[in-house]
């Protein structure tokens, strides 16, 4: 399993994308401080922010080609389903919501959707 600090460095692209998509949602604090609690609050207040954040995280992680970040979503999974999965993960894991939201989400995707062995 990848260490959290290395993971956060790898996911910088996702966070920068989200910051570009929803600058008002993250203007109060530096973008790296979006923990699961803040992400859930943002998702409840603005589903568009939530959609953008979850899709940006998936897209950034998918393009990294790092063995510990590898996951394979079903071909027919929609963006709405990705957002719903993100919200469900946040709601059902209050014990971990103090961790960065992007780390929580991608770690969950790696566990839920492992790629077939090649």
Protein backbone atom coordinates (compact mmCIF):
# COMPACT_ATOMS: atom_id res chain seq x y z
CA UNK A 1 0.00 0.00 0.00
CA UNK A 2 1.28 3.44 -0.88
CA UNK A 3 2.11 5.80 1.98
CA UNK A 4 -0.25 8.71 2.46
CA UNK A 5 2.40 11.43 1.98
CA UNK A 6 3.56 9.90 -1.33
CA UNK A 7 -0.02 9.45 -2.39
CA UNK A 8 -0.75 13.12 -1.79
CA UNK A 9 2.20 14.17 -3.93
CA UNK A 10 0.98 11.88 -6.70
CA UNK A 11 -2.54 13.29 -6.50
CA UNK A 12 -1.54 16.95 -6.82
CA UNK A 13 -2.91 16.98 -10.36
CA UNK A 14 -6.35 15.98 -9.15
CA UNK A 15 -6.46 18.67 -6.54
CA UNK A 16 -5.23 21.33 -8.95
CA UNK A 17 -7.92 20.31 -11.39
CA UNK A 18 -10.57 20.59 -8.72
CA UNK A 19 -9.24 23.97 -7.65
CA UNK A 20 -9.58 25.17 -11.24
CA UNK A 21 -13.10 23.75 -11.56
CA UNK A 22 -14.43 25.03 -8.25
CA UNK A 23 -12.25 27.87 -6.96
CA UNK A 24 -14.91 29.30 -4.64
CA UNK A 25 -15.31 26.01 -2.80
CA UNK A 26 -11.65 25.87 -1.86
CA UNK A 27 -10.71 29.54 -1.61
CA UNK A 28 -10.88 29.71 2.19
CA UNK A 29 -8.04 27.27 2.76
CA UNK A 30 -5.22 25.78 0.73
CA UNK A 31 -6.50 23.04 -1.59
CA UNK A 32 -4.52 20.30 0.12
CA UNK A 33 -6.58 20.73 3.30
CA UNK A 34 -9.80 19.27 1.88
CA UNK A 35 -10.38 16.40 4.23
CA UNK A 36 -13.30 14.02 4.09
CA UNK A 37 -15.37 16.16 6.46
CA UNK A 38 -15.01 19.27 4.28
CA UNK A 39 -15.59 17.25 1.10
CA UNK A 40 -18.84 15.83 2.49
CA UNK A 41 -19.94 19.31 3.55
CA UNK A 42 -19.14 20.62 0.06
CA UNK A 43 -20.95 17.70 -1.60
CA UNK A 44 -24.09 18.33 0.42
CA UNK A 45 -24.00 22.05 -0.38
CA UNK A 46 -23.04 21.80 -4.06
CA UNK A 47 -23.50 18.56 -6.03
CA UNK A 48 -21.65 20.14 -8.97
CA UNK A 49 -18.55 20.62 -6.82
CA UNK A 50 -18.86 17.03 -5.68
CA UNK A 51 -19.16 15.74 -9.23
CA UNK A 52 -16.12 17.74 -10.37
CA UNK A 53 -13.99 16.71 -7.40
CA UNK A 54 -14.72 12.99 -7.69
CA UNK A 55 -14.27 12.91 -11.47
CA UNK A 56 -11.03 14.92 -11.28
CA UNK A 57 -9.64 12.53 -8.66
CA UNK A 58 -10.47 9.49 -10.80
CA UNK A 59 -9.08 11.05 -13.98
CA UNK A 60 -5.84 12.14 -12.33
CA UNK A 61 -5.25 8.79 -10.64
CA UNK A 62 -6.10 6.91 -13.85
CA UNK A 63 -3.45 8.78 -15.75
CA UNK A 64 -0.63 8.16 -13.31
CA UNK A 65 0.11 4.54 -14.16
CA UNK A 66 1.43 3.87 -10.66
CA UNK A 67 0.98 0.25 -9.49
CA UNK A 68 -0.48 1.19 -6.10
CA UNK A 69 -3.00 3.58 -7.66
CA UNK A 70 -4.31 1.13 -10.24
CA UNK A 71 -8.02 0.44 -10.37
CA UNK A 72 -10.33 -0.59 -13.19
CA UNK A 73 -13.80 0.91 -13.13
CA UNK A 74 -16.54 -0.83 -15.10
CA UNK A 75 -16.73 0.51 -18.67
CA UNK A 76 -20.35 1.52 -18.24
CA UNK A 77 -19.91 3.40 -14.93
CA UNK A 78 -21.23 6.94 -15.23
CA UNK A 79 -19.92 10.15 -13.72
CA UNK A 80 -23.01 10.29 -11.55
CA UNK A 81 -22.25 6.86 -10.16
CA UNK A 82 -18.68 7.94 -9.39
CA UNK A 83 -20.00 10.96 -7.50
CA UNK A 84 -22.55 8.80 -5.66
CA UNK A 85 -19.82 6.34 -4.68
CA UNK A 86 -17.68 9.22 -3.38
CA UNK A 87 -20.54 10.54 -1.22
CA UNK A 88 -21.44 7.06 0.04
CA UNK A 89 -17.80 6.43 0.97
CA UNK A 90 -17.68 9.70 2.92
CA UNK A 91 -20.99 9.08 4.68
CA UNK A 92 -20.16 5.50 5.66
CA UNK A 93 -16.64 6.19 6.92
CA UNK A 94 -16.83 8.89 9.59
CA UNK A 95 -13.87 7.38 11.44
CA UNK A 96 -11.54 8.25 8.53
CA UNK A 97 -12.99 11.57 7.33
CA UNK A 98 -10.18 13.54 8.94
CA UNK A 99 -7.88 12.16 6.19
CA UNK A 100 -7.59 13.88 2.79
CA UNK A 101 -10.69 13.15 0.72
CA UNK A 102 -8.78 12.28 -2.43
CA UNK A 103 -6.67 9.73 -0.53
CA UNK A 104 -9.77 8.13 0.97
CA UNK A 105 -11.54 7.93 -2.38
CA UNK A 106 -8.74 6.54 -4.53
CA UNK A 107 -7.77 4.04 -1.81
CA UNK A 108 -11.39 2.86 -1.78
CA UNK A 109 -11.47 2.53 -5.58
CA UNK A 110 -8.26 0.49 -5.54
CA UNK A 111 -9.88 -1.94 -3.08
CA UNK A 112 -13.30 -2.07 -4.77
CA UNK A 113 -12.18 -2.25 -8.40
CA UNK A 114 -8.88 -4.11 -8.70
CA UNK A 115 -7.58 -4.58 -12.22
CA UNK A 116 -7.34 -8.11 -13.60
CA UNK A 117 -3.89 -9.66 -13.35
CA UNK A 118 -1.95 -9.40 -16.59
